[in-house]
Amino acid sequence: MRFLVTNDDGFMAVGIRTLAQAAAPLGEVRVVAPDREQSATSHSLTLHYPLRVRQAEQYVQVVDGTPTDCVVLGLGELLAEKPDFVLSGVNHGANLGDDVLYSGTVAAAMEATILGIPGVALSYTGRDPENLPAWTELLSRLLEQVLKRGDYPRDTLLNVNLPASPPADVKGIRVTTLGRRAYSGSLTRAYDPNGREYFWIGGGQSRWWGAPDSDFQAIHDGFISVTPLHLDLTSYPLLEDLGRWNLTL
């Protein structure tokens, strides 16, 4: 089995090295990752300047672009053979609920799915990524169960979140839905030393909610969360109702 491993924290991140080590016993691993942190880049694609690729290690190639760029280049040009799976992560931070709309980690797995290669996004909800190497063996067992299936669903990726606890304390695995999250106080308005106004997005406080089977609840309870995400964003329950709006020009 062949794997393309990528992330949005950059090729030097602890998470991507942990993921590559976890996948290594299962097959051939090739890493194509950004040269720097690309968190919250979502599904952005570089269109307005040329991308550069360099060889960092024998099986590691570095791209001066986004996670989506890495997948496009990896599948289109850089790998001699198409991989069986694209693994993205392990992200330094949670990708729960609405996070998936902003996450470069999830976007990389989604781009792979769009291009016909199954994708799995993995994230660690703890605050200290230096704890991630301890997860290597558990991740390898989890990946083996997921990747050996011959009926991996078409047009679907898996979003996996690890709880902020030692691997030995994990209570199990839950298959989950996406929760919801709202931020407050995440926009700062201030002035630089020259008196020029600027705005800073980030920080603040977050409020989570969701069904009992949500990813947030699973993590809160000490479980690994596995959420299937589908490429088709159509709201099918609304189709019939929307047809009755009689929209015209």
C-alpha atoms as a PDB file:
ATOM      1  CA  MET A   1       0.000   0.000   0.000  1.00  0.00           C
ATOM      2  CA  ARG A   2       1.258   3.495  -0.870  1.00  0.00           C
ATOM      3  CA  PHE A   3       0.617   6.690   1.117  1.00  0.00           C
ATOM      4  CA  LEU A   4       0.972  10.379   0.420  1.00  0.00           C
ATOM      5  CA  VAL A   5       1.314  12.198   3.752  1.00  0.00           C
ATOM      6  CA  THR A   6       0.798  15.952   4.037  1.00  0.00           C
ATOM      7  CA  ASN A   7      -0.337  18.561   6.579  1.00  0.00           C
ATOM      8  CA  ASP A   8      -0.890  22.268   7.199  1.00  0.00           C
ATOM      9  CA  ASP A   9       1.661  22.740  10.007  1.00  0.00           C
ATOM     10  CA  GLY A  10       4.698  22.418   7.767  1.00  0.00           C
ATOM     11  CA  PHE A  11       7.092  19.579   6.983  1.00  0.00           C
ATOM     12  CA  MET A  12       9.038  20.013  10.226  1.00  0.00           C
ATOM     13  CA  ALA A  13       5.985  19.583  12.460  1.00  0.00           C
ATOM     14  CA  VAL A  14       5.927  16.847  15.084  1.00  0.00           C
ATOM     15  CA  GLY A  15       2.494  15.745  13.884  1.00  0.00           C
ATOM     16  CA  ILE A  16       3.445  14.901  10.309  1.00  0.00           C
ATOM     17  CA  ARG A  17       6.503  12.969  11.435  1.00  0.00           C
ATOM     18  CA  THR A  18       4.359  10.999  13.870  1.00  0.00           C
ATOM     19  CA  LEU A  19       1.827  10.234  11.139  1.00  0.00           C
ATOM     20  CA  ALA A  20       4.515   9.142   8.685  1.00  0.00           C
ATOM     21  CA  GLN A  21       5.987   6.811  11.313  1.00  0.00           C
ATOM     22  CA  ALA A  22       2.543   5.391  12.117  1.00  0.00           C
ATOM     23  CA  ALA A  23       1.870   4.669   8.434  1.00  0.00           C
ATOM     24  CA  ALA A  24       5.327   3.222   7.693  1.00  0.00           C
ATOM     25  CA  PRO A  25       4.565  -0.334   8.955  1.00  0.00           C
ATOM     26  CA  LEU A  26       1.525  -0.417   6.655  1.00  0.00           C
ATOM     27  CA  GLY A  27       3.180   0.529   3.365  1.00  0.00           C
ATOM     28  CA  GLU A  28       5.328   2.951   1.396  1.00  0.00           C
ATOM     29  CA  VAL A  29       5.223   6.519   2.679  1.00  0.00           C
ATOM     30  CA  ARG A  30       5.981   9.663   0.690  1.00  0.00           C
ATOM     31  CA  VAL A  31       5.696  13.113   2.280  1.00  0.00           C
ATOM     32  CA  VAL A  32       4.757  16.228   0.290  1.00  0.00           C
ATOM     33  CA  ALA A  33       4.158  19.083   2.738  1.00  0.00           C
ATOM     34  CA  PRO A  34       4.225  22.888   2.985  1.00  0.00           C
ATOM     35  CA  ASP A  35       7.477  24.634   3.797  1.00  0.00           C
ATOM     36  CA  ARG A  36       5.791  26.593   6.608  1.00  0.00           C
ATOM     37  CA  GLU A  37       2.642  26.672   8.700  1.00  0.00           C
ATOM     38  CA  GLN A  38      -0.510  26.997   6.592  1.00  0.00           C
ATOM     39  CA  SER A  39      -3.182  26.714   9.288  1.00  0.00           C
ATOM     40  CA  ALA A  40      -6.669  27.995   8.391  1.00  0.00           C
ATOM     41  CA  THR A  41      -5.820  28.194   4.686  1.00  0.00           C
ATOM     42  CA  SER A  42      -8.838  25.973   4.039  1.00  0.00           C
ATOM     43  CA  HIS A  43      -9.007  24.746   0.419  1.00  0.00           C
ATOM     44  CA  SER A  44      -7.015  27.605  -1.089  1.00  0.00           C
ATOM     45  CA  LEU A  45      -5.050  26.919  -4.252  1.00  0.00           C
ATOM     46  CA  THR A  46      -2.067  28.979  -5.426  1.00  0.00           C
ATOM     47  CA  LEU A  47      -2.861  30.528  -8.814  1.00  0.00           C
ATOM     48  CA  HIS A  48      -0.914  33.790  -9.042  1.00  0.00           C
ATOM     49  CA  TYR A  49       2.723  32.761  -8.606  1.00  0.00           C
ATOM     50  CA  PRO A  50       4.803  29.666  -9.480  1.00  0.00           C
ATOM     51  CA  LEU A  51       5.255  26.949  -6.894  1.00  0.00           C
ATOM     52  CA  ARG A  52       8.717  25.686  -5.955  1.00  0.00           C
ATOM     53  CA  VAL A  53       9.534  22.185  -4.738  1.00  0.00           C
ATOM     54  CA  ARG A  54      12.677  21.045  -2.970  1.00  0.00           C
ATOM     55  CA  GLN A  55      13.868  17.740  -1.609  1.00  0.00           C
ATOM     56  CA  ALA A  56      14.285  17.908   2.169  1.00  0.00           C
ATOM     57  CA  GLU A  57      14.950  14.246   2.897  1.00  0.00           C
ATOM     58  CA  GLN A  58      14.937  11.052   0.837  1.00  0.00           C
ATOM     59  CA  TYR A  59      11.166  10.651   0.948  1.00  0.00           C
ATOM     60  CA  VAL A  60      10.187  14.200   1.882  1.00  0.00           C
ATOM     61  CA  GLN A  61       9.423  16.945  -0.648  1.00  0.00           C
ATOM     62  CA  VAL A  62       8.639  20.494   0.417  1.00  0.00           C
ATOM     63  CA  VAL A  63       6.312  22.914  -1.414  1.00  0.00           C
ATOM     64  CA  ASP A  64       6.123  26.684  -0.918  1.00  0.00           C
ATOM     65  CA  GLY A  65       2.342  26.540  -1.092  1.00  0.00           C
ATOM     66  CA  THR A  66      -0.821  25.370   0.645  1.00  0.00           C
ATOM     67  CA  PRO A  67      -1.850  21.852   1.702  1.00  0.00           C
ATOM     68  CA  THR A  68      -4.125  21.688  -1.337  1.00  0.00           C
ATOM     69  CA  ASP A  69      -1.174  22.634  -3.552  1.00  0.00           C
ATOM     70  CA  CYS A  70       0.812  19.788  -1.998  1.00  0.00           C
ATOM     71  CA  VAL A  71      -1.851  17.222  -2.853  1.00  0.00           C
ATOM     72  CA  VAL A  72      -2.304  18.535  -6.395  1.00  0.00           C
ATOM     73  CA  LEU A  73       1.453  18.456  -7.039  1.00  0.00           C
ATOM     74  CA  GLY A  74       1.962  15.150  -5.266  1.00  0.00           C
ATOM     75  CA  LEU A  75      -0.728  13.325  -7.211  1.00  0.00           C
ATOM     76  CA  GLY A  76      -0.143  15.135 -10.487  1.00  0.00           C
ATOM     77  CA  GLU A  77       3.637  15.291 -10.792  1.00  0.00           C
ATOM     78  CA  LEU A  78       5.809  14.398  -7.823  1.00  0.00           C
ATOM     79  CA  LEU A  79       4.938  10.770  -7.083  1.00  0.00           C
ATOM     80  CA  ALA A  80       5.953   8.094  -9.563  1.00  0.00           C
ATOM     81  CA  GLU A  81       2.842   6.058  -8.701  1.00  0.00           C
ATOM     82  CA  LYS A  82      -0.550   7.145  -7.415  1.00  0.00           C
ATOM     83  CA  PRO A  83      -0.980   6.457  -3.698  1.00  0.00           C
ATOM     84  CA  ASP A  84      -3.763   4.307  -2.317  1.00  0.00           C
ATOM     85  CA  PHE A  85      -4.518   6.856   0.412  1.00  0.00           C
ATOM     86  CA  VAL A  86      -3.718  10.448   1.307  1.00  0.00           C
ATOM     87  CA  LEU A  87      -3.181  11.026   5.028  1.00  0.00           C
ATOM     88  CA  SER A  88      -3.248  14.600   6.313  1.00  0.00           C
ATOM     89  CA  GLY A  89      -1.987  15.627   9.757  1.00  0.00           C
ATOM     90  CA  VAL A  90      -1.552  15.013  12.545  1.00  0.00           C
ATOM     91  CA  ASN A  91      -2.697  18.593  13.013  1.00  0.00           C
ATOM     92  CA  HIS A  92      -1.440  20.530  16.025  1.00  0.00           C
ATOM     93  CA  GLY A  93      -4.898  21.376  17.342  1.00  0.00           C
ATOM     94  CA  ALA A  94      -8.501  20.248  17.031  1.00  0.00           C
ATOM     95  CA  ASN A  95     -10.508  20.141  13.817  1.00  0.00           C
ATOM     96  CA  LEU A  96     -13.990  19.688  15.239  1.00  0.00           C
ATOM     97  CA  GLY A  97     -17.342  20.921  14.014  1.00  0.00           C
ATOM     98  CA  ASP A  98     -17.118  24.149  12.016  1.00  0.00           C
ATOM     99  CA  ASP A  99     -13.304  23.911  12.087  1.00  0.00           C
ATOM    100  CA  VAL A 100     -13.476  21.655   9.029  1.00  0.00           C
ATOM    101  CA  LEU A 101     -14.536  24.647   6.901  1.00  0.00           C
ATOM    102  CA  TYR A 102     -11.289  26.488   7.695  1.00  0.00           C
ATOM    103  CA  SER A 103      -8.838  23.649   8.149  1.00  0.00           C
ATOM    104  CA  GLY A 104      -5.984  23.142   5.710  1.00  0.00           C
ATOM    105  CA  THR A 105      -5.590  19.649   7.179  1.00  0.00           C
ATOM    106  CA  VAL A 106      -9.123  18.644   6.251  1.00  0.00           C
ATOM    107  CA  ALA A 107      -8.885  20.435   2.903  1.00  0.00           C
ATOM    108  CA  ALA A 108      -5.883  18.337   1.880  1.00  0.00           C
ATOM    109  CA  ALA A 109      -7.812  15.120   2.516  1.00  0.00           C
ATOM    110  CA  MET A 110     -10.798  16.608   0.695  1.00  0.00           C
ATOM    111  CA  GLU A 111      -8.691  17.520  -2.354  1.00  0.00           C
ATOM    112  CA  ALA A 112      -7.440  13.946  -2.499  1.00  0.00           C
ATOM    113  CA  THR A 113     -11.021  12.709  -2.396  1.00  0.00           C
ATOM    114  CA  ILE A 114     -11.979  15.067  -5.218  1.00  0.00           C
ATOM    115  CA  LEU A 115      -9.082  13.657  -7.263  1.00  0.00           C
ATOM    116  CA  GLY A 116     -10.248  10.099  -6.663  1.00  0.00           C
ATOM    117  CA  ILE A 117      -7.908   9.053  -3.842  1.00  0.00           C
ATOM    118  CA  PRO A 118      -9.390   8.245  -0.408  1.00  0.00           C
ATOM    119  CA  GLY A 119      -8.377  10.769   2.244  1.00  0.00           C
ATOM    120  CA  VAL A 120      -8.105  10.757   6.027  1.00  0.00           C
ATOM    121  CA  ALA A 121      -7.534  13.920   8.086  1.00  0.00           C
ATOM    122  CA  LEU A 122      -6.153  13.525  11.603  1.00  0.00           C
ATOM    123  CA  SER A 123      -5.891  16.117  14.377  1.00  0.00           C
ATOM    124  CA  TYR A 124      -4.780  16.230  18.005  1.00  0.00           C
ATOM    125  CA  THR A 125      -6.949  18.273  20.351  1.00  0.00           C
ATOM    126  CA  GLY A 126      -4.249  18.714  22.991  1.00  0.00           C
ATOM    127  CA  ARG A 127      -2.194  21.866  23.410  1.00  0.00           C
ATOM    128  CA  ASP A 128       1.258  20.258  23.369  1.00  0.00           C
ATOM    129  CA  PRO A 129       2.165  18.555  20.064  1.00  0.00           C
ATOM    130  CA  GLU A 130       5.319  17.204  21.710  1.00  0.00           C
ATOM    131  CA  ASN A 131       3.010  14.528  23.179  1.00  0.00           C
ATOM    132  CA  LEU A 132       2.162  13.196  19.707  1.00  0.00           C
ATOM    133  CA  PRO A 133       5.003  10.652  19.265  1.00  0.00           C
ATOM    134  CA  ALA A 134       3.437   8.609  22.081  1.00  0.00           C
ATOM    135  CA  TRP A 135       0.426   8.108  19.778  1.00  0.00           C
ATOM    136  CA  THR A 136       2.406   6.391  17.008  1.00  0.00           C
ATOM    137  CA  GLU A 137       1.491   2.792  17.839  1.00  0.00           C
ATOM    138  CA  LEU A 138      -2.183   3.534  18.491  1.00  0.00           C
ATOM    139  CA  LEU A 139      -2.429   5.545  15.253  1.00  0.00           C
ATOM    140  CA  SER A 140      -0.873   2.681  13.328  1.00  0.00           C
ATOM    141  CA  ARG A 141      -3.507   0.269  14.671  1.00  0.00           C
ATOM    142  CA  LEU A 142      -6.312   2.710  13.890  1.00  0.00           C
ATOM    143  CA  LEU A 143      -5.069   3.345  10.351  1.00  0.00           C
ATOM    144  CA  GLU A 144      -4.718  -0.364   9.693  1.00  0.00           C
ATOM    145  CA  GLN A 145      -8.390  -0.927  10.526  1.00  0.00           C
ATOM    146  CA  VAL A 146      -9.536   1.936   8.300  1.00  0.00           C
ATOM    147  CA  LEU A 147      -7.256   1.348   5.339  1.00  0.00           C
ATOM    148  CA  LYS A 148      -7.684  -2.385   4.970  1.00  0.00           C
ATOM    149  CA  ARG A 149     -11.363  -2.053   4.092  1.00  0.00           C
ATOM    150  CA  GLY A 150     -12.203  -2.779   0.494  1.00  0.00           C
ATOM    151  CA  ASP A 151     -15.484  -0.867   0.702  1.00  0.00           C
ATOM    152  CA  TYR A 152     -14.068   2.536   1.627  1.00  0.00           C
ATOM    153  CA  PRO A 153     -16.912   4.920   0.729  1.00  0.00           C
ATOM    154  CA  ARG A 154     -16.680   6.888  -2.506  1.00  0.00           C
ATOM    155  CA  ASP A 155     -16.568  10.716  -2.367  1.00  0.00           C
ATOM    156  CA  THR A 156     -16.105  10.559   1.405  1.00  0.00           C
ATOM    157  CA  LEU A 157     -13.220  11.415   3.697  1.00  0.00           C
ATOM    158  CA  LEU A 158     -12.743  10.670   7.362  1.00  0.00           C
ATOM    159  CA  ASN A 159     -12.040  13.396   9.907  1.00  0.00           C
ATOM    160  CA  VAL A 160     -10.297  11.922  12.957  1.00  0.00           C
ATOM    161  CA  ASN A 161      -9.669  13.819  16.199  1.00  0.00           C
ATOM    162  CA  LEU A 162      -7.570  12.520  19.083  1.00  0.00           C
ATOM    163  CA  PRO A 163      -8.424  13.524  22.657  1.00  0.00           C
ATOM    164  CA  ALA A 164      -6.023  15.528  24.814  1.00  0.00           C
ATOM    165  CA  SER A 165      -5.061  12.573  26.987  1.00  0.00           C
ATOM    166  CA  PRO A 166      -2.306   9.959  27.051  1.00  0.00           C
ATOM    167  CA  PRO A 167      -3.029   7.179  24.529  1.00  0.00           C
ATOM    168  CA  ALA A 168      -3.332   4.629  27.339  1.00  0.00           C
ATOM    169  CA  ASP A 169      -6.261   6.606  28.788  1.00  0.00           C
ATOM    170  CA  VAL A 170      -8.334   6.731  25.587  1.00  0.00           C
ATOM    171  CA  LYS A 171     -11.752   5.199  26.242  1.00  0.00           C
ATOM    172  CA  GLY A 172     -12.357   4.013  22.689  1.00  0.00           C
ATOM    173  CA  ILE A 173     -13.531   5.228  19.296  1.00  0.00           C
ATOM    174  CA  ARG A 174     -16.843   6.892  18.449  1.00  0.00           C
ATOM    175  CA  VAL A 175     -18.277   7.481  14.993  1.00  0.00           C
ATOM    176  CA  THR A 176     -19.611  11.021  15.203  1.00  0.00           C
ATOM    177  CA  THR A 177     -21.422  13.913  13.574  1.00  0.00           C
ATOM    178  CA  LEU A 178     -20.040  17.436  13.299  1.00  0.00           C
ATOM    179  CA  GLY A 179     -20.700  19.670  16.290  1.00  0.00           C
ATOM    180  CA  ARG A 180     -21.004  23.448  16.156  1.00  0.00           C
ATOM    181  CA  ARG A 181     -18.832  26.227  17.495  1.00  0.00           C
ATOM    182  CA  ALA A 182     -19.126  29.989  17.896  1.00  0.00           C
ATOM    183  CA  TYR A 183     -16.314  32.420  18.741  1.00  0.00           C
ATOM    184  CA  SER A 184     -16.562  35.588  20.768  1.00  0.00           C
ATOM    185  CA  GLY A 185     -13.868  38.228  21.190  1.00  0.00           C
ATOM    186  CA  SER A 186     -11.780  36.800  18.333  1.00  0.00           C
ATOM    187  CA  LEU A 187     -11.313  40.119  16.513  1.00  0.00           C
ATOM    188  CA  THR A 188      -8.802  42.629  17.885  1.00  0.00           C
ATOM    189  CA  ARG A 189      -8.641  46.245  16.692  1.00  0.00           C
ATOM    190  CA  ALA A 190      -5.458  48.100  17.635  1.00  0.00           C
ATOM    191  CA  TYR A 191      -2.698  50.442  16.457  1.00  0.00           C
ATOM    192  CA  ASP A 192       0.928  49.696  15.615  1.00  0.00           C
ATOM    193  CA  PRO A 193       3.845  51.799  16.997  1.00  0.00           C
ATOM    194  CA  ASN A 194       3.469  54.161  14.019  1.00  0.00           C
ATOM    195  CA  GLY A 195      -0.159  54.848  14.853  1.00  0.00           C
ATOM    196  CA  ARG A 196      -1.567  52.887  11.947  1.00  0.00           C
ATOM    197  CA  GLU A 197      -4.709  50.892  12.616  1.00  0.00           C
ATOM    198  CA  TYR A 198      -4.699  47.130  12.197  1.00  0.00           C
ATOM    199  CA  PHE A 199      -6.998  44.179  12.879  1.00  0.00           C
ATOM    200  CA  TRP A 200      -6.021  40.741  14.191  1.00  0.00           C
ATOM    201  CA  ILE A 201      -8.257  37.690  13.800  1.00  0.00           C
ATOM    202  CA  GLY A 202      -7.733  34.928  16.334  1.00  0.00           C
ATOM    203  CA  GLY A 203      -7.939  34.041  19.992  1.00  0.00           C
ATOM    204  CA  GLY A 204     -11.021  34.848  21.993  1.00  0.00           C
ATOM    205  CA  GLN A 205     -13.317  32.287  23.540  1.00  0.00           C
ATOM    206  CA  SER A 206     -15.230  29.496  21.853  1.00  0.00           C
ATOM    207  CA  ARG A 207     -18.546  27.900  22.741  1.00  0.00           C
ATOM    208  CA  TRP A 208     -19.314  24.362  21.590  1.00  0.00           C
ATOM    209  CA  TRP A 209     -22.605  22.582  21.211  1.00  0.00           C
ATOM    210  CA  GLY A 210     -24.022  19.631  19.335  1.00  0.00           C
ATOM    211  CA  ALA A 211     -25.894  16.347  19.528  1.00  0.00           C
ATOM    212  CA  PRO A 212     -24.849  13.600  21.951  1.00  0.00           C
ATOM    213  CA  ASP A 213     -23.144  11.862  19.013  1.00  0.00           C
ATOM    214  CA  SER A 214     -21.141  14.963  18.002  1.00  0.00           C
ATOM    215  CA  ASP A 215     -17.376  14.995  17.599  1.00  0.00           C
ATOM    216  CA  PHE A 216     -17.026  17.599  20.326  1.00  0.00           C
ATOM    217  CA  GLN A 217     -18.895  15.416  22.831  1.00  0.00           C
ATOM    218  CA  ALA A 218     -16.784  12.375  21.980  1.00  0.00           C
ATOM    219  CA  ILE A 219     -13.565  14.307  22.593  1.00  0.00           C
ATOM    220  CA  HIS A 220     -14.980  15.774  25.809  1.00  0.00           C
ATOM    221  CA  ASP A 221     -15.721  12.226  26.997  1.00  0.00           C
ATOM    222  CA  GLY A 222     -12.199  10.995  26.221  1.00  0.00           C
ATOM    223  CA  PHE A 223     -12.876   9.119  22.978  1.00  0.00           C
ATOM    224  CA  ILE A 224     -11.302   9.305  19.530  1.00  0.00           C
ATOM    225  CA  SER A 225     -13.792  10.921  17.154  1.00  0.00           C
ATOM    226  CA  VAL A 226     -14.186   9.636  13.579  1.00  0.00           C
ATOM    227  CA  THR A 227     -16.528  11.716  11.403  1.00  0.00           C
ATOM    228  CA  PRO A 228     -17.369  10.853   7.779  1.00  0.00           C
ATOM    229  CA  LEU A 229     -17.492  13.954   5.559  1.00  0.00           C
ATOM    230  CA  HIS A 230     -19.100  13.907   2.119  1.00  0.00           C
ATOM    231  CA  LEU A 231     -18.190  16.069  -0.870  1.00  0.00           C
ATOM    232  CA  ASP A 232     -21.813  16.705  -1.825  1.00  0.00           C
ATOM    233  CA  LEU A 233     -22.917  19.805   0.124  1.00  0.00           C
ATOM    234  CA  THR A 234     -26.416  19.837  -1.350  1.00  0.00           C
ATOM    235  CA  SER A 235     -29.170  20.285   1.225  1.00  0.00           C
ATOM    236  CA  TYR A 236     -31.479  17.549  -0.034  1.00  0.00           C
ATOM    237  CA  PRO A 237     -34.222  18.183   2.586  1.00  0.00           C
ATOM    238  CA  LEU A 238     -34.535  21.740   1.228  1.00  0.00           C
ATOM    239  CA  LEU A 239     -34.716  20.855  -2.478  1.00  0.00           C
ATOM    240  CA  GLU A 240     -38.466  20.303  -2.603  1.00  0.00           C
ATOM    241  CA  ASP A 241     -39.240  23.303  -0.422  1.00  0.00           C
ATOM    242  CA  LEU A 242     -36.950  25.548  -2.444  1.00  0.00           C
ATOM    243  CA  GLY A 243     -38.757  24.464  -5.606  1.00  0.00           C
ATOM    244  CA  ARG A 244     -41.956  25.921  -4.168  1.00  0.00           C
ATOM    245  CA  TRP A 245     -40.353  29.378  -3.918  1.00  0.00           C
ATOM    246  CA  ASN A 246     -41.143  29.811  -7.637  1.00  0.00           C
ATOM    247  CA  LEU A 247     -37.946  31.746  -8.286  1.00  0.00           C
ATOM    248  CA  THR A 248     -38.163  33.606 -11.599  1.00  0.00           C
ATOM    249  CA  LEU A 249     -36.415  36.337 -13.563  1.00  0.00           C
END
